[in-house]
Amino acid sequence: MSPQVVPFHHADTGTWSYLMADPASGAAAIIDPVLDFDPRAGRTATDSAQRLLSEARERGWRIDWLLETHAHADHLSAAHVLRQRLQADGGHAPRLAIGRRIGEVRRFFAPVFGLAETEASCFDRLFDDDDTFAVGELPAQAIPVPGHTQDSLAYLIGDALFTGDSLFLPDSGTARCDFPGGDAAMLYQSIQRLYRLPDSTRVFVCHDYGAGGREVACETTIGEQKRGNIHVRADTGEAEFVALREARDATLAVPALILPALQVNLRGGALPEPEGNGVRYLKLPLNQF
């Protein structure tokens, strides 16, 4: 059960988005789509999102799912835009999904941004741990991988694993764990669970920045991760990983887009409603990070 996977790299944020489909039925999902955003001008654009739609149309695929691995802090989600366009174009609205622990993340950040604390109705499905679903005839599972954030999920669809911000490529290691609700020991245990998958499992990462000057890439395998991940191989102990991860995290700056990204991504990619003058505003909370 092997999906077709088409990767899209967003150079400004180092993000990989994926269009994947069941070759038997043409049912498809988009994973972690990016809304273009120029923070200097406060301007959004949908060029990257439109490329995903155009590719799906060319291949004759029907997008049934928009899957978020977590509420990203380094880019704005295009999921809301995609759902609106797909519904307007053909009346078919894909389901927008994320992990249920988005509620915990929202409760933490709601006071920071002045958001309502109730779970957003913008998500069509909130996955519980290990919930199963399907993309066409492909079996799929929402695997909890907390550690980077509380709400982090990996999606196992057929033989393809979309890891979100848990595992990067082997020469790039793992994601940071110093966000509110993050925990290096928890991420270690999450990765151990992923390492119990077959070595042949295809792994698709959410970010890559071209370590050592190589070309950016997005695909590896569980076996390659276990043998060569620079932060956590199959024989790496928890204490060793936690010490390495926490020392590295102490040197990292706050992500450049965390303030605009969280305000949008906690709403499933929906921008704030326009105010009386017709303009939408993102808030800039002072002295919160």
Protein backbone atom coordinates (compact mmCIF):
# COMPACT_ATOMS: atom_id res chain seq x y z
CA MET A 1 0.00 0.00 0.00
CA SER A 2 2.23 2.76 -1.31
CA PRO A 3 0.93 6.28 -1.94
CA GLN A 4 2.23 8.55 -4.65
CA VAL A 5 3.95 11.51 -2.98
CA VAL A 6 4.72 14.85 -4.64
CA PRO A 7 6.86 17.17 -2.47
CA PHE A 8 6.86 20.97 -2.63
CA HIS A 9 9.65 23.01 -1.03
CA HIS A 10 8.95 26.48 0.35
CA ALA A 11 12.37 28.11 0.23
CA ASP A 12 11.58 31.13 2.41
CA THR A 13 10.74 28.95 5.43
CA GLY A 14 12.55 25.70 4.59
CA THR A 15 9.22 23.86 4.74
CA TRP A 16 8.22 20.77 2.78
CA SER A 17 4.54 20.42 1.93
CA TYR A 18 3.22 17.22 0.39
CA LEU A 19 0.53 16.25 -2.06
CA MET A 20 -0.05 12.51 -1.73
CA ALA A 21 -2.61 10.22 -3.30
CA ASP A 22 -3.96 6.71 -3.42
CA PRO A 23 -3.09 5.62 -6.98
CA ALA A 24 -6.05 3.26 -7.10
CA SER A 25 -8.79 5.80 -6.41
CA GLY A 26 -7.17 9.20 -6.98
CA ALA A 27 -8.17 10.29 -3.47
CA ALA A 28 -5.53 12.68 -2.13
CA ALA A 29 -4.34 14.62 0.89
CA ILE A 30 -2.28 17.76 1.30
CA ILE A 31 0.03 17.84 4.31
CA ASP A 32 1.35 21.05 5.91
CA PRO A 33 0.58 23.59 3.15
CA VAL A 34 2.25 27.03 3.40
CA LEU A 35 0.72 30.47 2.97
CA ASP A 36 3.26 32.87 1.48
CA PHE A 37 3.90 35.76 3.87
CA ASP A 38 6.19 38.78 3.64
CA PRO A 39 6.63 40.00 7.25
CA ARG A 40 8.23 43.26 6.14
CA ALA A 41 5.17 44.31 4.16
CA GLY A 42 2.57 42.31 6.08
CA ARG A 43 1.47 40.83 2.78
CA THR A 44 0.12 37.34 2.12
CA ALA A 45 0.04 35.46 -1.17
CA THR A 46 -1.21 32.06 -2.31
CA ASP A 47 1.26 31.12 -5.04
CA SER A 48 2.61 28.13 -3.10
CA ALA A 49 -0.88 26.89 -2.23
CA GLN A 50 -2.01 27.25 -5.82
CA ARG A 51 0.85 25.05 -7.03
CA LEU A 52 -0.50 22.23 -4.88
CA LEU A 53 -3.97 22.62 -6.35
CA SER A 54 -2.68 22.86 -9.91
CA GLU A 55 -0.64 19.67 -9.51
CA ALA A 56 -3.64 17.80 -8.12
CA ARG A 57 -5.82 18.95 -11.01
CA GLU A 58 -3.23 17.93 -13.59
CA ARG A 59 -3.09 14.44 -12.11
CA GLY A 60 -6.86 14.16 -11.77
CA TRP A 61 -6.66 13.72 -7.99
CA ARG A 62 -9.49 14.65 -5.58
CA ILE A 63 -8.26 16.25 -2.37
CA ASP A 64 -10.18 14.70 0.55
CA TRP A 65 -7.92 15.74 3.43
CA LEU A 66 -5.91 18.76 4.56
CA LEU A 67 -3.61 17.42 7.29
CA GLU A 68 -1.64 19.56 9.73
CA THR A 69 1.09 17.86 11.77
CA HIS A 70 0.89 20.59 14.45
CA ALA A 71 0.41 24.35 14.93
CA HIS A 72 3.61 25.49 13.23
CA ALA A 73 5.65 28.40 14.58
CA ASP A 74 7.77 28.98 11.49
CA HIS A 75 5.22 29.43 8.71
CA LEU A 76 1.60 30.33 8.17
CA SER A 77 -0.74 27.54 7.09
CA ALA A 78 -2.60 27.71 3.79
CA ALA A 79 -5.12 25.04 4.82
CA HIS A 80 -8.03 27.46 5.20
CA VAL A 81 -7.35 29.05 1.80
CA LEU A 82 -7.17 25.64 0.14
CA ARG A 83 -10.42 24.46 1.69
CA GLN A 84 -12.21 27.61 0.55
CA ARG A 85 -10.89 27.35 -3.01
CA LEU A 86 -11.68 23.68 -3.36
CA GLN A 87 -15.22 24.20 -2.10
CA ALA A 88 -15.73 27.20 -4.39
CA ASP A 89 -14.35 25.38 -7.43
CA GLY A 90 -16.33 22.19 -7.21
CA GLY A 91 -18.45 22.16 -4.11
CA HIS A 92 -16.23 19.48 -2.53
CA ALA A 93 -14.83 20.56 0.83
CA PRO A 94 -11.89 18.49 2.08
CA ARG A 95 -11.68 17.76 5.80
CA LEU A 96 -9.16 19.87 7.71
CA ALA A 97 -7.57 17.87 10.53
CA ILE A 98 -5.02 18.23 13.32
CA GLY A 99 -4.36 16.51 16.66
CA ARG A 100 -6.79 17.03 19.53
CA ARG A 101 -4.03 18.46 21.72
CA ILE A 102 -4.25 21.64 19.64
CA GLY A 103 -6.69 22.58 22.41
CA GLU A 104 -3.86 22.54 24.97
CA VAL A 105 -1.66 24.70 22.74
CA ARG A 106 -4.53 27.09 22.15
CA ARG A 107 -5.27 27.41 25.86
CA PHE A 108 -1.66 28.43 26.49
CA PHE A 109 -1.45 30.99 23.71
CA ALA A 110 -5.02 32.35 23.86
CA PRO A 111 -4.17 34.91 26.58
CA VAL A 112 -1.03 35.95 24.69
CA PHE A 113 -2.98 36.90 21.57
CA GLY A 114 -6.36 37.68 23.11
CA LEU A 115 -8.01 34.69 21.42
CA ALA A 116 -11.13 32.91 22.61
CA GLU A 117 -10.03 29.86 24.58
CA THR A 118 -12.58 27.50 23.06
CA GLU A 119 -11.29 24.97 20.57
CA ALA A 120 -11.56 26.42 17.10
CA SER A 121 -14.41 25.19 14.96
CA CYS A 122 -12.20 25.73 11.91
CA PHE A 123 -10.93 22.13 12.18
CA ASP A 124 -13.24 19.45 10.83
CA ARG A 125 -11.55 16.63 12.72
CA LEU A 126 -9.39 16.57 15.82
CA PHE A 127 -7.49 13.28 15.83
CA ASP A 128 -7.17 11.35 19.05
CA ASP A 129 -3.96 9.41 19.62
CA ASP A 130 -3.66 6.60 17.06
CA ASP A 131 -6.93 7.43 15.33
CA THR A 132 -7.27 5.64 12.03
CA PHE A 133 -8.73 6.99 8.81
CA ALA A 134 -8.25 6.41 5.10
CA VAL A 135 -7.11 8.27 2.02
CA GLY A 136 -9.05 6.43 -0.65
CA GLU A 137 -8.12 2.79 -0.14
CA LEU A 138 -4.93 3.60 1.78
CA PRO A 139 -5.06 2.96 5.53
CA ALA A 140 -3.85 5.92 7.58
CA GLN A 141 -3.01 6.52 11.23
CA ALA A 142 -2.45 9.67 13.29
CA ILE A 143 0.54 8.80 15.51
CA PRO A 144 1.15 11.13 18.48
CA VAL A 145 4.74 12.40 18.57
CA PRO A 146 4.74 15.03 21.33
CA GLY A 147 8.03 16.63 22.34
CA HIS A 148 8.54 19.41 19.82
CA THR A 149 5.03 20.59 20.73
CA GLN A 150 2.18 19.00 22.67
CA ASP A 151 -0.01 18.60 19.60
CA SER A 152 2.55 17.07 17.24
CA LEU A 153 1.39 14.20 15.05
CA ALA A 154 3.04 12.00 12.45
CA TYR A 155 0.83 10.56 9.73
CA LEU A 156 1.45 7.00 8.57
CA ILE A 157 -0.35 6.56 5.24
CA GLY A 158 0.34 3.24 3.59
CA ASP A 159 4.12 2.85 3.72
CA ALA A 160 4.77 6.61 3.93
CA LEU A 161 5.42 8.39 7.23
CA PHE A 162 5.06 12.18 7.40
CA THR A 163 6.95 13.11 10.54
CA GLY A 164 6.18 16.81 10.95
CA ASP A 165 8.76 18.48 13.20
CA SER A 166 9.91 15.39 15.06
CA LEU A 167 12.58 13.86 12.80
CA PHE A 168 14.51 15.77 10.17
CA LEU A 169 16.86 14.14 7.66
CA PRO A 170 19.60 12.07 9.31
CA ASP A 171 22.28 14.75 8.83
CA SER A 172 20.00 17.38 10.41
CA GLY A 173 18.78 15.49 13.47
CA THR A 174 15.59 16.45 15.27
CA ALA A 175 13.36 19.41 16.05
CA ARG A 176 13.77 21.79 18.97
CA CYS A 177 11.88 21.11 22.20
CA ASP A 178 11.97 24.48 23.98
CA PHE A 179 8.51 25.77 23.02
CA PRO A 180 5.80 25.86 25.73
CA GLY A 181 4.72 22.27 26.26
CA GLY A 182 7.82 20.90 24.54
CA ASP A 183 9.97 18.27 26.20
CA ALA A 184 13.14 16.56 24.98
CA ALA A 185 12.54 13.32 26.89
CA MET A 186 9.04 13.14 25.45
CA LEU A 187 10.40 13.63 21.92
CA TYR A 188 12.91 10.83 22.52
CA GLN A 189 10.09 8.45 23.45
CA SER A 190 8.07 9.58 20.42
CA ILE A 191 10.99 8.83 18.12
CA GLN A 192 11.49 5.42 19.71
CA ARG A 193 7.95 4.60 18.70
CA LEU A 194 8.63 5.66 15.12
CA TYR A 195 11.78 3.54 15.12
CA ARG A 196 9.66 0.45 15.76
CA LEU A 197 8.15 0.83 12.29
CA PRO A 198 9.69 -1.31 9.52
CA ASP A 199 13.09 -0.07 8.35
CA SER A 200 11.72 0.21 4.82
CA THR A 201 9.08 2.77 5.86
CA ARG A 202 9.48 5.88 3.72
CA VAL A 203 9.99 9.01 5.80
CA PHE A 204 9.02 12.49 4.59
CA VAL A 205 10.22 15.38 6.74
CA CYS A 206 8.60 18.79 7.22
CA HIS A 207 11.76 20.89 7.06
CA ASP A 208 15.18 20.83 5.48
CA TYR A 209 17.78 23.59 5.20
CA GLY A 210 20.51 21.87 3.18
CA ALA A 211 22.93 20.83 5.92
CA GLY A 212 26.57 21.37 4.98
CA GLY A 213 25.61 23.14 1.77
CA ARG A 214 23.99 20.12 0.09
CA GLU A 215 20.82 20.47 -1.95
CA VAL A 216 17.63 20.41 0.06
CA ALA A 217 15.94 17.02 0.26
CA CYS A 218 12.88 15.54 1.92
CA GLU A 219 12.87 11.73 1.89
CA THR A 220 14.67 9.06 3.85
CA THR A 221 13.69 5.79 5.59
CA ILE A 222 13.29 4.59 9.15
CA GLY A 223 16.32 2.35 8.65
CA GLU A 224 18.47 5.28 7.54
CA GLN A 225 17.30 7.32 10.52
CA LYS A 226 18.13 4.54 12.97
CA ARG A 227 21.60 4.12 11.50
CA GLY A 228 22.59 7.72 10.93
CA ASN A 229 20.49 10.41 12.59
CA ILE A 230 23.03 12.74 14.19
CA HIS A 231 20.88 13.30 17.28
CA VAL A 232 19.22 9.95 17.88
CA ARG A 233 20.31 6.65 16.34
CA ALA A 234 18.86 3.30 17.32
CA ASP A 235 21.52 2.93 20.02
CA THR A 236 21.29 6.47 21.45
CA GLY A 237 20.19 6.58 25.08
CA GLU A 238 17.55 8.95 26.40
CA ALA A 239 19.88 10.87 28.73
CA GLU A 240 22.38 11.41 25.91
CA PHE A 241 19.69 12.72 23.59
CA VAL A 242 18.10 14.99 26.21
CA ALA A 243 21.48 16.54 27.10
CA LEU A 244 22.31 17.16 23.44
CA ARG A 245 18.85 18.52 22.58
CA GLU A 246 18.60 20.85 25.57
CA ALA A 247 22.11 22.21 25.04
CA ARG A 248 21.36 22.93 21.39
CA ASP A 249 17.97 24.47 22.15
CA ALA A 250 19.59 26.91 24.58
CA THR A 251 21.46 28.46 21.62
CA LEU A 252 18.46 28.87 19.28
CA ALA A 253 16.71 32.15 18.60
CA VAL A 254 12.94 32.57 18.66
CA PRO A 255 11.55 31.66 15.21
CA ALA A 256 11.17 34.77 13.07
CA LEU A 257 7.50 34.12 12.24
CA ILE A 258 6.26 32.68 15.53
CA LEU A 259 3.98 35.63 16.36
CA PRO A 260 2.10 35.84 13.06
CA ALA A 261 2.22 32.07 12.51
CA LEU A 262 0.59 30.99 15.77
CA GLN A 263 -2.23 33.52 15.48
CA VAL A 264 -3.12 32.09 12.08
CA ASN A 265 -2.34 28.42 12.64
CA LEU A 266 -4.37 28.12 15.84
CA ARG A 267 -7.31 29.07 13.60
CA GLY A 268 -6.50 26.39 11.04
CA GLY A 269 -4.93 28.93 8.70
CA ALA A 270 -7.81 31.41 8.85
CA LEU A 271 -6.76 35.05 8.99
CA PRO A 272 -8.33 37.34 11.60
CA GLU A 273 -11.66 38.86 10.61
CA PRO A 274 -11.49 42.35 9.06
CA GLU A 275 -12.08 45.26 11.40
CA GLY A 276 -14.42 48.16 10.71
CA ASN A 277 -12.10 49.64 8.08
CA GLY A 278 -11.99 46.37 6.14
CA VAL A 279 -8.38 45.62 7.13
CA ARG A 280 -7.23 42.42 8.85
CA TYR A 281 -4.70 42.83 11.68
CA LEU A 282 -2.24 40.48 13.34
CA LYS A 283 -1.28 41.36 16.91
CA LEU A 284 2.28 41.90 18.12
CA PRO A 285 2.30 41.07 21.84
CA LEU A 286 5.25 42.70 23.59
CA ASN A 287 7.63 41.05 26.05
CA GLN A 288 5.98 37.61 25.83
CA PHE A 289 8.92 35.58 24.49
